């Protein structure tokens, strides 16, 4: 996969987690069949994201930017 395709797929998997993650809450009255489907989709999204994480090179953390109140160089 190209880096762009990996990025788009990661965004898709994150959207799946945000969409179906709340369905896993026991507080919601979701039918068992739909809860099972949501569980499967969330597990798959987590698996794909973990695979992307292992295959992607780790980038260094961004530099820390601090606000300079005294406006010194």
C-alpha atoms as a PDB file:
ATOM      1  CA  UNK A   1       0.000   0.000   0.000  1.00  0.00           C
ATOM      2  CA  UNK A   2       1.147   3.500  -0.725  1.00  0.00           C
ATOM      3  CA  UNK A   3       1.599   5.874   2.211  1.00  0.00           C
ATOM      4  CA  UNK A   4      -1.475   7.806   1.067  1.00  0.00           C
ATOM      5  CA  UNK A   5      -3.585   4.644   0.966  1.00  0.00           C
ATOM      6  CA  UNK A   6      -2.401   3.677   4.445  1.00  0.00           C
ATOM      7  CA  UNK A   7      -3.353   7.119   5.749  1.00  0.00           C
ATOM      8  CA  UNK A   8      -6.813   6.993   4.190  1.00  0.00           C
ATOM      9  CA  UNK A   9      -7.369   3.467   5.479  1.00  0.00           C
ATOM     10  CA  UNK A  10      -6.283   4.501   8.971  1.00  0.00           C
ATOM     11  CA  UNK A  11      -8.784   7.390   8.880  1.00  0.00           C
ATOM     12  CA  UNK A  12     -11.490   4.955   7.778  1.00  0.00           C
ATOM     13  CA  UNK A  13     -10.678   2.525  10.599  1.00  0.00           C
ATOM     14  CA  UNK A  14     -10.735   5.375  13.132  1.00  0.00           C
ATOM     15  CA  UNK A  15     -14.144   6.401  11.802  1.00  0.00           C
ATOM     16  CA  UNK A  16     -15.336   2.812  12.275  1.00  0.00           C
ATOM     17  CA  UNK A  17     -14.135   2.912  15.894  1.00  0.00           C
ATOM     18  CA  UNK A  18     -15.881   6.231  16.529  1.00  0.00           C
ATOM     19  CA  UNK A  19     -19.102   5.038  14.895  1.00  0.00           C
ATOM     20  CA  UNK A  20     -19.423   1.525  16.277  1.00  0.00           C
ATOM     21  CA  UNK A  21     -17.508   1.904  19.549  1.00  0.00           C
ATOM     22  CA  UNK A  22     -20.454   3.444  21.426  1.00  0.00           C
ATOM     23  CA  UNK A  23     -22.663   0.502  20.375  1.00  0.00           C
ATOM     24  CA  UNK A  24     -20.568  -1.735  22.625  1.00  0.00           C
ATOM     25  CA  UNK A  25     -21.780   0.059  25.734  1.00  0.00           C
ATOM     26  CA  UNK A  26     -24.073  -2.093  27.848  1.00  0.00           C
ATOM     27  CA  UNK A  27     -26.137   1.020  28.608  1.00  0.00           C
ATOM     28  CA  UNK A  28     -27.503   1.217  25.064  1.00  0.00           C
ATOM     29  CA  UNK A  29     -30.480  -0.945  24.100  1.00  0.00           C
ATOM     30  CA  UNK A  30     -28.872  -2.496  21.008  1.00  0.00           C
ATOM     31  CA  UNK A  31     -30.144  -5.868  19.721  1.00  0.00           C
ATOM     32  CA  UNK A  32     -27.689  -8.725  20.224  1.00  0.00           C
ATOM     33  CA  UNK A  33     -27.167  -9.290  16.502  1.00  0.00           C
ATOM     34  CA  UNK A  34     -26.265  -5.633  15.902  1.00  0.00           C
ATOM     35  CA  UNK A  35     -24.008  -5.566  18.976  1.00  0.00           C
ATOM     36  CA  UNK A  36     -22.183  -8.655  17.646  1.00  0.00           C
ATOM     37  CA  UNK A  37     -21.741  -6.982  14.258  1.00  0.00           C
ATOM     38  CA  UNK A  38     -20.434  -3.809  15.914  1.00  0.00           C
ATOM     39  CA  UNK A  39     -18.054  -5.866  18.064  1.00  0.00           C
ATOM     40  CA  UNK A  40     -16.677  -7.621  14.985  1.00  0.00           C
ATOM     41  CA  UNK A  41     -16.193  -4.334  13.128  1.00  0.00           C
ATOM     42  CA  UNK A  42     -14.447  -2.697  16.090  1.00  0.00           C
ATOM     43  CA  UNK A  43     -12.140  -5.693  16.581  1.00  0.00           C
ATOM     44  CA  UNK A  44     -11.257  -5.685  12.878  1.00  0.00           C
ATOM     45  CA  UNK A  45     -10.575  -1.938  12.890  1.00  0.00           C
ATOM     46  CA  UNK A  46      -8.299  -2.309  15.930  1.00  0.00           C
ATOM     47  CA  UNK A  47      -6.434  -5.162  14.227  1.00  0.00           C
ATOM     48  CA  UNK A  48      -5.924  -3.198  11.004  1.00  0.00           C
ATOM     49  CA  UNK A  49      -4.724  -0.139  12.920  1.00  0.00           C
ATOM     50  CA  UNK A  50      -2.243  -2.250  14.882  1.00  0.00           C
ATOM     51  CA  UNK A  51      -0.924  -3.756  11.633  1.00  0.00           C
ATOM     52  CA  UNK A  52      -0.522  -0.275  10.128  1.00  0.00           C
ATOM     53  CA  UNK A  53       1.300   0.840  13.256  1.00  0.00           C
ATOM     54  CA  UNK A  54       3.814  -2.003  13.001  1.00  0.00           C
ATOM     55  CA  UNK A  55       4.421  -1.509   9.276  1.00  0.00           C
ATOM     56  CA  UNK A  56       4.745   2.272   9.399  1.00  0.00           C
ATOM     57  CA  UNK A  57       8.056   3.830  10.333  1.00  0.00           C
ATOM     58  CA  UNK A  58       7.872   5.679  13.607  1.00  0.00           C
ATOM     59  CA  UNK A  59       8.228   9.406  13.102  1.00  0.00           C
ATOM     60  CA  UNK A  60       9.995  11.525  15.685  1.00  0.00           C
ATOM     61  CA  UNK A  61       7.659  13.547  17.909  1.00  0.00           C
ATOM     62  CA  UNK A  62       6.977  17.099  16.761  1.00  0.00           C
ATOM     63  CA  UNK A  63       9.090  19.823  18.341  1.00  0.00           C
ATOM     64  CA  UNK A  64       7.668  21.437  21.429  1.00  0.00           C
ATOM     65  CA  UNK A  65       6.453  24.943  20.743  1.00  0.00           C
ATOM     66  CA  UNK A  66       6.126  27.170  23.774  1.00  0.00           C
ATOM     67  CA  UNK A  67       4.643  30.623  23.995  1.00  0.00           C
ATOM     68  CA  UNK A  68       7.291  33.223  24.754  1.00  0.00           C
ATOM     69  CA  UNK A  69       5.628  35.825  26.960  1.00  0.00           C
ATOM     70  CA  UNK A  70       8.724  37.985  27.295  1.00  0.00           C
ATOM     71  CA  UNK A  71       9.332  37.991  23.538  1.00  0.00           C
ATOM     72  CA  UNK A  72      12.992  37.182  24.020  1.00  0.00           C
ATOM     73  CA  UNK A  73      14.902  35.411  21.240  1.00  0.00           C
END
